[in-house]
PDB file of N, CA and C in Angstrom:
ATOM      1  N   MET A   1    -207.321   2.656  97.084  1.00  0.00           N
ATOM      2  CA  MET A   1    -206.370   3.617  96.548  1.00  0.00           C
ATOM      3  C   MET A   1    -205.581   4.258  97.686  1.00  0.00           C
ATOM      4  N   GLY A   2    -204.359   4.578  97.397  1.00  0.00           N
ATOM      5  CA  GLY A   2    -203.510   5.262  98.356  1.00  0.00           C
ATOM      6  C   GLY A   2    -202.563   6.197  97.627  1.00  0.00           C
ATOM      7  N   THR A   3    -202.004   7.110  98.369  1.00  0.00           N
ATOM      8  CA  THR A   3    -201.046   8.045  97.804  1.00  0.00           C
ATOM      9  C   THR A   3    -199.676   7.744  98.400  1.00  0.00           C
ATOM     10  N   ILE A   4    -198.687   7.669  97.536  1.00  0.00           N
ATOM     11  CA  ILE A   4    -197.307   7.521  97.983  1.00  0.00           C
ATOM     12  C   ILE A   4    -196.661   8.892  97.833  1.00  0.00           C
ATOM     13  N   HIS A   5    -196.180   9.433  98.955  1.00  0.00           N
ATOM     14  CA  HIS A   5    -195.458  10.711  98.901  1.00  0.00           C
ATOM     15  C   HIS A   5    -193.974  10.396  99.005  1.00  0.00           C
ATOM     16  N   PHE A   6    -193.229  10.759  97.963  1.00  0.00           N
ATOM     17  CA  PHE A   6    -191.781  10.594  97.963  1.00  0.00           C
ATOM     18  C   PHE A   6    -191.183  11.894  98.487  1.00  0.00           C
ATOM     19  N   VAL A   7    -190.655  11.847  99.689  1.00  0.00           N
ATOM     20  CA  VAL A   7    -190.219  13.039 100.429  1.00  0.00           C
ATOM     21  C   VAL A   7    -189.091  13.770  99.712  1.00  0.00           C
ATOM     22  N   ASN A   8    -188.018  13.068  99.360  1.00  0.00           N
ATOM     23  CA  ASN A   8    -186.857  13.722  98.742  1.00  0.00           C
ATOM     24  C   ASN A   8    -187.207  14.394  97.419  1.00  0.00           C
ATOM     25  N   GLU A   9    -188.110  13.774  96.687  1.00  0.00           N
ATOM     26  CA  GLU A   9    -188.483  14.273  95.364  1.00  0.00           C
ATOM     27  C   GLU A   9    -189.673  15.221  95.420  1.00  0.00           C
ATOM     28  N   ASN A  10    -190.330  15.300  96.577  1.00  0.00           N
ATOM     29  CA  ASN A  10    -191.540  16.094  96.778  1.00  0.00           C
ATOM     30  C   ASN A  10    -192.577  15.791  95.687  1.00  0.00           C
ATOM     31  N   LYS A  11    -192.840  14.498  95.531  1.00  0.00           N
ATOM     32  CA  LYS A  11    -193.758  14.051  94.488  1.00  0.00           C
ATOM     33  C   LYS A  11    -194.764  13.074  95.074  1.00  0.00           C
ATOM     34  N   ASP A  12    -196.041  13.238  94.691  1.00  0.00           N
ATOM     35  CA  ASP A  12    -197.100  12.324  95.117  1.00  0.00           C
ATOM     36  C   ASP A  12    -197.504  11.445  93.942  1.00  0.00           C
ATOM     37  N   VAL A  13    -197.713  10.166  94.252  1.00  0.00           N
ATOM     38  CA  VAL A  13    -198.091   9.180  93.241  1.00  0.00           C
ATOM     39  C   VAL A  13    -199.322   8.440  93.756  1.00  0.00           C
ATOM     40  N   ILE A  14    -200.325   8.306  92.913  1.00  0.00           N
ATOM     41  CA  ILE A  14    -201.523   7.543  93.261  1.00  0.00           C
ATOM     42  C   ILE A  14    -201.242   6.066  92.998  1.00  0.00           C
ATOM     43  N   ALA A  15    -201.612   5.224  93.966  1.00  0.00           N
ATOM     44  CA  ALA A  15    -201.371   3.786  93.831  1.00  0.00           C
ATOM     45  C   ALA A  15    -202.630   3.011  94.190  1.00  0.00           C
ATOM     46  N   ALA A  16    -202.963   2.038  93.374  1.00  0.00           N
ATOM     47  CA  ALA A  16    -204.077   1.146  93.679  1.00  0.00           C
ATOM     48  C   ALA A  16    -203.690   0.284  94.879  1.00  0.00           C
ATOM     49  N   THR A  17    -204.669  -0.154  95.633  1.00  0.00           N
ATOM     50  CA  THR A  17    -204.418  -1.030  96.773  1.00  0.00           C
ATOM     51  C   THR A  17    -203.678  -2.278  96.296  1.00  0.00           C
ATOM     52  N   GLY A  18    -202.593  -2.609  96.983  1.00  0.00           N
ATOM     53  CA  GLY A  18    -201.790  -3.773  96.629  1.00  0.00           C
ATOM     54  C   GLY A  18    -200.691  -3.491  95.623  1.00  0.00           C
ATOM     55  N   SER A  19    -200.505  -2.225  95.242  1.00  0.00           N
ATOM     56  CA  SER A  19    -199.443  -1.872  94.291  1.00  0.00           C
ATOM     57  C   SER A  19    -198.072  -2.069  94.918  1.00  0.00           C
ATOM     58  N   ASN A  20    -197.121  -2.453  94.101  1.00  0.00           N
ATOM     59  CA  ASN A  20    -195.753  -2.635  94.545  1.00  0.00           C
ATOM     60  C   ASN A  20    -195.053  -1.279  94.588  1.00  0.00           C
ATOM     61  N   LEU A  21    -194.437  -0.963  95.711  1.00  0.00           N
ATOM     62  CA  LEU A  21    -193.800   0.337  95.918  1.00  0.00           C
ATOM     63  C   LEU A  21    -192.680   0.592  94.904  1.00  0.00           C
ATOM     64  N   ARG A  22    -191.862  -0.399  94.623  1.00  0.00           N
ATOM     65  CA  ARG A  22    -190.760  -0.241  93.673  1.00  0.00           C
ATOM     66  C   ARG A  22    -191.290   0.061  92.271  1.00  0.00           C
ATOM     67  N   LEU A  23    -192.285  -0.687  91.847  1.00  0.00           N
ATOM     68  CA  LEU A  23    -192.831  -0.477  90.506  1.00  0.00           C
ATOM     69  C   LEU A  23    -193.464   0.904  90.361  1.00  0.00           C
ATOM     70  N   LYS A  24    -194.175   1.362  91.384  1.00  0.00           N
ATOM     71  CA  LYS A  24    -194.788   2.692  91.323  1.00  0.00           C
ATOM     72  C   LYS A  24    -193.713   3.774  91.249  1.00  0.00           C
ATOM     73  N   ALA A  25    -192.610   3.587  91.952  1.00  0.00           N
ATOM     74  CA  ALA A  25    -191.505   4.550  91.888  1.00  0.00           C
ATOM     75  C   ALA A  25    -190.921   4.585  90.483  1.00  0.00           C
ATOM     76  N   ILE A  26    -190.623   3.425  89.933  1.00  0.00           N
ATOM     77  CA  ILE A  26    -190.020   3.352  88.601  1.00  0.00           C
ATOM     78  C   ILE A  26    -190.961   3.924  87.547  1.00  0.00           C
ATOM     79  N   GLU A  27    -192.256   3.584  87.629  1.00  0.00           N
ATOM     80  CA  GLU A  27    -193.244   4.097  86.669  1.00  0.00           C
ATOM     81  C   GLU A  27    -193.309   5.622  86.668  1.00  0.00           C
ATOM     82  N   ASN A  28    -192.955   6.228  87.800  1.00  0.00           N
ATOM     83  CA  ASN A  28    -193.056   7.675  87.941  1.00  0.00           C
ATOM     84  C   ASN A  28    -191.687   8.360  87.973  1.00  0.00           C
ATOM     85  N   ASN A  29    -190.685   7.686  87.424  1.00  0.00           N
ATOM     86  CA  ASN A  29    -189.329   8.238  87.293  1.00  0.00           C
ATOM     87  C   ASN A  29    -188.712   8.668  88.613  1.00  0.00           C
ATOM     88  N   ILE A  30    -188.982   7.912  89.663  1.00  0.00           N
ATOM     89  CA  ILE A  30    -188.379   8.152  90.978  1.00  0.00           C
ATOM     90  C   ILE A  30    -187.192   7.200  91.094  1.00  0.00           C
ATOM     91  N   ASP A  31    -186.005   7.743  91.308  1.00  0.00           N
ATOM     92  CA  ASP A  31    -184.787   6.943  91.412  1.00  0.00           C
ATOM     93  C   ASP A  31    -184.636   6.443  92.844  1.00  0.00           C
ATOM     94  N   ILE A  32    -184.761   5.145  93.055  1.00  0.00           N
ATOM     95  CA  ILE A  32    -184.653   4.591  94.406  1.00  0.00           C
ATOM     96  C   ILE A  32    -183.305   3.938  94.674  1.00  0.00           C
ATOM     97  N   TYR A  33    -182.456   3.844  93.659  1.00  0.00           N
ATOM     98  CA  TYR A  33    -181.188   3.137  93.803  1.00  0.00           C
ATOM     99  C   TYR A  33    -180.001   4.080  93.944  1.00  0.00           C
ATOM    100  N   LYS A  34    -179.078   3.701  94.855  1.00  0.00           N
ATOM    101  CA  LYS A  34    -177.780   4.350  94.919  1.00  0.00           C
ATOM    102  C   LYS A  34    -176.934   3.765  93.793  1.00  0.00           C
ATOM    103  N   LEU A  35    -175.717   4.221  93.634  1.00  0.00           N
ATOM    104  CA  LEU A  35    -174.867   3.800  92.518  1.00  0.00           C
ATOM    105  C   LEU A  35    -174.740   2.280  92.412  1.00  0.00           C
ATOM    106  N   TYR A  36    -174.400   1.626  93.508  1.00  0.00           N
ATOM    107  CA  TYR A  36    -174.237   0.168  93.480  1.00  0.00           C
ATOM    108  C   TYR A  36    -175.534  -0.507  93.050  1.00  0.00           C
ATOM    109  N   GLY A  37    -176.661  -0.041  93.550  1.00  0.00           N
ATOM    110  CA  GLY A  37    -177.951  -0.619  93.214  1.00  0.00           C
ATOM    111  C   GLY A  37    -178.320  -0.448  91.756  1.00  0.00           C
ATOM    112  N   LYS A  38    -177.881   0.641  91.173  1.00  0.00           N
ATOM    113  CA  LYS A  38    -178.159   0.877  89.754  1.00  0.00           C
ATOM    114  C   LYS A  38    -177.465  -0.162  88.888  1.00  0.00           C
ATOM    115  N   MET A  39    -176.293  -0.599  89.329  1.00  0.00           N
ATOM    116  CA  MET A  39    -175.517  -1.548  88.542  1.00  0.00           C
ATOM    117  C   MET A  39    -175.847  -2.999  88.889  1.00  0.00           C
ATOM    118  N   MET A  40    -176.256  -3.246  90.116  1.00  0.00           N
ATOM    119  CA  MET A  40    -176.352  -4.628  90.591  1.00  0.00           C
ATOM    120  C   MET A  40    -177.745  -5.049  91.061  1.00  0.00           C
ATOM    121  N   ASN A  41    -178.790  -4.291  90.746  1.00  0.00           N
ATOM    122  CA  ASN A  41    -180.098  -4.671  91.286  1.00  0.00           C
ATOM    123  C   ASN A  41    -180.654  -5.904  90.593  1.00  0.00           C
ATOM    124  N   CYS A  42    -181.510  -6.618  91.295  1.00  0.00           N
ATOM    125  CA  CYS A  42    -182.035  -7.900  90.825  1.00  0.00           C
ATOM    126  C   CYS A  42    -183.305  -7.747  89.996  1.00  0.00           C
ATOM    127  N   GLY A  43    -183.748  -6.533  89.772  1.00  0.00           N
ATOM    128  CA  GLY A  43    -184.942  -6.319  88.962  1.00  0.00           C
ATOM    129  C   GLY A  43    -186.236  -6.462  89.733  1.00  0.00           C
ATOM    130  N   GLY A  44    -186.167  -6.378  91.039  1.00  0.00           N
ATOM    131  CA  GLY A  44    -187.378  -6.415  91.849  1.00  0.00           C
ATOM    132  C   GLY A  44    -187.775  -7.781  92.360  1.00  0.00           C
ATOM    133  N   TYR A  45    -186.854  -8.711  92.373  1.00  0.00           N
ATOM    134  CA  TYR A  45    -187.164 -10.069  92.824  1.00  0.00           C
ATOM    135  C   TYR A  45    -186.839 -10.313  94.293  1.00  0.00           C
ATOM    136  N   GLY A  46    -186.419  -9.271  95.000  1.00  0.00           N
ATOM    137  CA  GLY A  46    -186.168  -9.396  96.435  1.00  0.00           C
ATOM    138  C   GLY A  46    -184.932 -10.184  96.779  1.00  0.00           C
ATOM    139  N   GLN A  47    -183.897 -10.080  95.976  1.00  0.00           N
ATOM    140  CA  GLN A  47    -182.693 -10.864  96.231  1.00  0.00           C
ATOM    141  C   GLN A  47    -181.451 -10.027  96.497  1.00  0.00           C
ATOM    142  N   CYS A  48    -181.459  -8.746  96.129  1.00  0.00           N
ATOM    143  CA  CYS A  48    -180.225  -7.965  96.234  1.00  0.00           C
ATOM    144  C   CYS A  48    -180.244  -6.951  97.384  1.00  0.00           C
ATOM    145  N   ALA A  49    -181.412  -6.567  97.830  1.00  0.00           N
ATOM    146  CA  ALA A  49    -181.570  -5.626  98.950  1.00  0.00           C
ATOM    147  C   ALA A  49    -180.966  -4.251  98.667  1.00  0.00           C
ATOM    148  N   THR A  50    -181.048  -3.776  97.417  1.00  0.00           N
ATOM    149  CA  THR A  50    -180.516  -2.457  97.088  1.00  0.00           C
ATOM    150  C   THR A  50    -181.599  -1.386  96.973  1.00  0.00           C
ATOM    151  N   CYS A  51    -182.866  -1.751  97.130  1.00  0.00           N
ATOM    152  CA  CYS A  51    -183.963  -0.785  96.974  1.00  0.00           C
ATOM    153  C   CYS A  51    -184.528  -0.352  98.328  1.00  0.00           C
ATOM    154  N   VAL A  52    -183.652  -0.135  99.284  1.00  0.00           N
ATOM    155  CA  VAL A  52    -184.073   0.244 100.633  1.00  0.00           C
ATOM    156  C   VAL A  52    -184.666   1.649 100.633  1.00  0.00           C
ATOM    157  N   VAL A  53    -185.817   1.788 101.301  1.00  0.00           N
ATOM    158  CA  VAL A  53    -186.445   3.090 101.517  1.00  0.00           C
ATOM    159  C   VAL A  53    -186.777   3.221 102.995  1.00  0.00           C
ATOM    160  N   GLU A  54    -186.873   4.457 103.452  1.00  0.00           N
ATOM    161  CA  GLU A  54    -187.273   4.740 104.828  1.00  0.00           C
ATOM    162  C   GLU A  54    -188.721   5.209 104.806  1.00  0.00           C
ATOM    163  N   VAL A  55    -189.574   4.544 105.569  1.00  0.00           N
ATOM    164  CA  VAL A  55    -190.979   4.934 105.650  1.00  0.00           C
ATOM    165  C   VAL A  55    -191.099   6.017 106.721  1.00  0.00           C
ATOM    166  N   VAL A  56    -191.472   7.218 106.297  1.00  0.00           N
ATOM    167  CA  VAL A  56    -191.573   8.358 107.199  1.00  0.00           C
ATOM    168  C   VAL A  56    -192.941   8.369 107.887  1.00  0.00           C
ATOM    169  N   GLU A  57    -193.981   8.092 107.122  1.00  0.00           N
ATOM    170  CA  GLU A  57    -195.350   8.023 107.655  1.00  0.00           C
ATOM    171  C   GLU A  57    -196.102   6.911 106.954  1.00  0.00           C
ATOM    172  N   GLY A  58    -197.031   6.285 107.680  1.00  0.00           N
ATOM    173  CA  GLY A  58    -197.912   5.299 107.082  1.00  0.00           C
ATOM    174  C   GLY A  58    -197.359   3.886 107.030  1.00  0.00           C
ATOM    175  N   LEU A  59    -196.431   3.555 107.918  1.00  0.00           N
ATOM    176  CA  LEU A  59    -195.859   2.207 107.936  1.00  0.00           C
ATOM    177  C   LEU A  59    -196.954   1.144 108.034  1.00  0.00           C
ATOM    178  N   GLU A  60    -198.019   1.457 108.757  1.00  0.00           N
ATOM    179  CA  GLU A  60    -199.130   0.515 108.921  1.00  0.00           C
ATOM    180  C   GLU A  60    -199.897   0.285 107.615  1.00  0.00           C
ATOM    181  N   ASN A  61    -199.674   1.129 106.617  1.00  0.00           N
ATOM    182  CA  ASN A  61    -200.354   0.996 105.326  1.00  0.00           C
ATOM    183  C   ASN A  61    -199.543   0.222 104.291  1.00  0.00           C
ATOM    184  N   LEU A  62    -198.459  -0.397 104.738  1.00  0.00           N
ATOM    185  CA  LEU A  62    -197.675  -1.276 103.863  1.00  0.00           C
ATOM    186  C   LEU A  62    -197.850  -2.711 104.344  1.00  0.00           C
ATOM    187  N   SER A  63    -197.624  -3.647 103.443  1.00  0.00           N
ATOM    188  CA  SER A  63    -197.657  -5.062 103.814  1.00  0.00           C
ATOM    189  C   SER A  63    -196.592  -5.318 104.887  1.00  0.00           C
ATOM    190  N   GLU A  64    -196.735  -6.431 105.579  1.00  0.00           N
ATOM    191  CA  GLU A  64    -195.756  -6.818 106.604  1.00  0.00           C
ATOM    192  C   GLU A  64    -194.412  -7.110 105.944  1.00  0.00           C
ATOM    193  N   ARG A  65    -193.345  -6.965 106.711  1.00  0.00           N
ATOM    194  CA  ARG A  65    -192.021  -7.332 106.209  1.00  0.00           C
ATOM    195  C   ARG A  65    -191.993  -8.813 105.844  1.00  0.00           C
ATOM    196  N   THR A  66    -191.363  -9.129 104.726  1.00  0.00           N
ATOM    197  CA  THR A  66    -191.206 -10.527 104.325  1.00  0.00           C
ATOM    198  C   THR A  66    -190.074 -11.152 105.142  1.00  0.00           C
ATOM    199  N   ASP A  67    -189.950 -12.475 105.078  1.00  0.00           N
ATOM    200  CA  ASP A  67    -188.856 -13.158 105.774  1.00  0.00           C
ATOM    201  C   ASP A  67    -187.497 -12.653 105.286  1.00  0.00           C
ATOM    202  N   PHE A  68    -187.377 -12.425 103.974  1.00  0.00           N
ATOM    203  CA  PHE A  68    -186.122 -11.912 103.416  1.00  0.00           C
ATOM    204  C   PHE A  68    -185.812 -10.536 104.002  1.00  0.00           C
ATOM    205  N   GLU A  69    -186.833  -9.683 104.102  1.00  0.00           N
ATOM    206  CA  GLU A  69    -186.615  -8.354 104.691  1.00  0.00           C
ATOM    207  C   GLU A  69    -186.202  -8.477 106.150  1.00  0.00           C
ATOM    208  N   GLN A  70    -186.842  -9.373 106.876  1.00  0.00           N
ATOM    209  CA  GLN A  70    -186.497  -9.559 108.294  1.00  0.00           C
ATOM    210  C   GLN A  70    -185.015  -9.900 108.443  1.00  0.00           C
ATOM    211  N   ARG A  71    -184.528 -10.782 107.577  1.00  0.00           N
ATOM    212  CA  ARG A  71    -183.111 -11.179 107.649  1.00  0.00           C
ATOM    213  C   ARG A  71    -182.193 -10.062 107.162  1.00  0.00           C
ATOM    214  N   THR A  72    -182.522  -9.482 106.029  1.00  0.00           N
ATOM    215  CA  THR A  72    -181.657  -8.492 105.391  1.00  0.00           C
ATOM    216  C   THR A  72    -181.597  -7.182 106.159  1.00  0.00           C
ATOM    217  N   LEU A  73    -182.727  -6.776 106.710  1.00  0.00           N
ATOM    218  CA  LEU A  73    -182.815  -5.468 107.380  1.00  0.00           C
ATOM    219  C   LEU A  73    -182.784  -5.586 108.904  1.00  0.00           C
ATOM    220  N   ARG A  74    -182.309  -6.696 109.431  1.00  0.00           N
ATOM    221  CA  ARG A  74    -182.373  -6.928 110.881  1.00  0.00           C
ATOM    222  C   ARG A  74    -181.617  -5.880 111.696  1.00  0.00           C
ATOM    223  N   LYS A  75    -180.593  -5.261 111.122  1.00  0.00           N
ATOM    224  CA  LYS A  75    -179.830  -4.231 111.839  1.00  0.00           C
ATOM    225  C   LYS A  75    -180.299  -2.819 111.522  1.00  0.00           C
ATOM    226  N   LYS A  76    -181.327  -2.711 110.692  1.00  0.00           N
ATOM    227  CA  LYS A  76    -181.877  -1.409 110.301  1.00  0.00           C
ATOM    228  C   LYS A  76    -183.119  -1.121 111.143  1.00  0.00           C
ATOM    229  N   PRO A  77    -183.523   0.154 111.231  1.00  0.00           N
ATOM    230  CA  PRO A  77    -184.756   0.486 111.959  1.00  0.00           C
ATOM    231  C   PRO A  77    -185.971  -0.199 111.342  1.00  0.00           C
ATOM    232  N   GLU A  78    -187.008  -0.392 112.128  1.00  0.00           N
ATOM    233  CA  GLU A  78    -188.228  -1.062 111.676  1.00  0.00           C
ATOM    234  C   GLU A  78    -188.912  -0.339 110.519  1.00  0.00           C
ATOM    235  N   ASN A  79    -188.652   0.956 110.374  1.00  0.00           N
ATOM    236  CA  ASN A  79    -189.313   1.704 109.300  1.00  0.00           C
ATOM    237  C   ASN A  79    -188.525   1.672 107.981  1.00  0.00           C
ATOM    238  N   TYR A  80    -187.492   0.857 107.890  1.00  0.00           N
ATOM    239  CA  TYR A  80    -186.782   0.638 106.634  1.00  0.00           C
ATOM    240  C   TYR A  80    -187.409  -0.570 105.946  1.00  0.00           C
ATOM    241  N   ARG A  81    -187.646  -0.430 104.643  1.00  0.00           N
ATOM    242  CA  ARG A  81    -188.258  -1.505 103.867  1.00  0.00           C
ATOM    243  C   ARG A  81    -187.538  -1.655 102.545  1.00  0.00           C
ATOM    244  N   LEU A  82    -187.688  -2.810 101.939  1.00  0.00           N
ATOM    245  CA  LEU A  82    -187.253  -3.014 100.557  1.00  0.00           C
ATOM    246  C   LEU A  82    -188.444  -2.655  99.693  1.00  0.00           C
ATOM    247  N   ALA A  83    -188.260  -1.714  98.801  1.00  0.00           N
ATOM    248  CA  ALA A  83    -189.377  -1.235  97.978  1.00  0.00           C
ATOM    249  C   ALA A  83    -189.981  -2.358  97.143  1.00  0.00           C
ATOM    250  N   CYS A  84    -189.165  -3.311  96.725  1.00  0.00           N
ATOM    251  CA  CYS A  84    -189.669  -4.399  95.881  1.00  0.00           C
ATOM    252  C   CYS A  84    -190.564  -5.364  96.652  1.00  0.00           C
ATOM    253  N   GLN A  85    -190.472  -5.358  97.973  1.00  0.00           N
ATOM    254  CA  GLN A  85    -191.247  -6.286  98.792  1.00  0.00           C
ATOM    255  C   GLN A  85    -192.456  -5.629  99.446  1.00  0.00           C
ATOM    256  N   ALA A  86    -192.554  -4.306  99.376  1.00  0.00           N
ATOM    257  CA  ALA A  86    -193.616  -3.567 100.062  1.00  0.00           C
ATOM    258  C   ALA A  86    -194.810  -3.326  99.144  1.00  0.00           C
ATOM    259  N   LEU A  87    -195.973  -3.755  99.608  1.00  0.00           N
ATOM    260  CA  LEU A  87    -197.221  -3.506  98.892  1.00  0.00           C
ATOM    261  C   LEU A  87    -197.971  -2.387  99.592  1.00  0.00           C
ATOM    262  N   VAL A  88    -198.454  -1.441  98.828  1.00  0.00           N
ATOM    263  CA  VAL A  88    -199.106  -0.241  99.354  1.00  0.00           C
ATOM    264  C   VAL A  88    -200.600  -0.506  99.543  1.00  0.00           C
ATOM    265  N   ASN A  89    -201.104  -0.248 100.760  1.00  0.00           N
ATOM    266  CA  ASN A  89    -202.514  -0.451 101.075  1.00  0.00           C
ATOM    267  C   ASN A  89    -203.179   0.806 101.603  1.00  0.00           C
ATOM    268  N   GLY A  90    -202.530   1.942 101.458  1.00  0.00           N
ATOM    269  CA  GLY A  90    -203.057   3.214 101.943  1.00  0.00           C
ATOM    270  C   GLY A  90    -201.982   4.280 101.804  1.00  0.00           C
ATOM    271  N   PRO A  91    -202.262   5.482 102.322  1.00  0.00           N
ATOM    272  CA  PRO A  91    -201.295   6.577 102.193  1.00  0.00           C
ATOM    273  C   PRO A  91    -199.986   6.290 102.940  1.00  0.00           C
ATOM    274  N   VAL A  92    -198.886   6.634 102.296  1.00  0.00           N
ATOM    275  CA  VAL A  92    -197.582   6.404 102.868  1.00  0.00           C
ATOM    276  C   VAL A  92    -196.609   7.470 102.366  1.00  0.00           C
ATOM    277  N   SER A  93    -195.651   7.842 103.211  1.00  0.00           N
ATOM    278  CA  SER A  93    -194.583   8.762 102.819  1.00  0.00           C
ATOM    279  C   SER A  93    -193.265   8.023 102.976  1.00  0.00           C
ATOM    280  N   VAL A  94    -192.437   8.083 101.930  1.00  0.00           N
ATOM    281  CA  VAL A  94    -191.153   7.375 101.976  1.00  0.00           C
ATOM    282  C   VAL A  94    -190.008   8.306 101.566  1.00  0.00           C
ATOM    283  N   ARG A  95    -188.855   8.008 102.139  1.00  0.00           N
ATOM    284  CA  ARG A  95    -187.625   8.721 101.772  1.00  0.00           C
ATOM    285  C   ARG A  95    -186.746   7.722 101.022  1.00  0.00           C
ATOM    286  N   THR A  96    -186.375   8.081  99.806  1.00  0.00           N
ATOM    287  CA  THR A  96    -185.523   7.198  99.001  1.00  0.00           C
ATOM    288  C   THR A  96    -184.055   7.365  99.409  1.00  0.00           C
ATOM    289  N   LYS A  97    -183.289   6.324  99.193  1.00  0.00           N
ATOM    290  CA  LYS A  97    -181.839   6.296  99.461  1.00  0.00           C
ATOM    291  C   LYS A  97    -181.487   6.776 100.865  1.00  0.00           C
ATOM    292  N   PRO A  98    -182.062   6.144 101.885  1.00  0.00           N
ATOM    293  CA  PRO A  98    -181.745   6.599 103.257  1.00  0.00           C
ATOM    294  C   PRO A  98    -180.299   6.316 103.649  1.00  0.00           C
TER     295      PRO A  98
END
């Protein structure tokens, strides 16, 4: 079990080990998409790169970046992740819509 703290929303969510970050956000009414992402997101299949979050704490408690993330986020800081590709394995704090 781990806790996801959404910084902007000041909300904590309990997540089972291996939970998908995007799904936990959606289940708890956390809006992770900017305007374009709301209209054009791929539904969590890792193809549109609109669910970017900034990991403030606990980066080591998320799964490794996927190959798609490596390519898509290559110009972004290492603590930026695609929520649809990140699996939670412990406590983490994230900032939505960085």
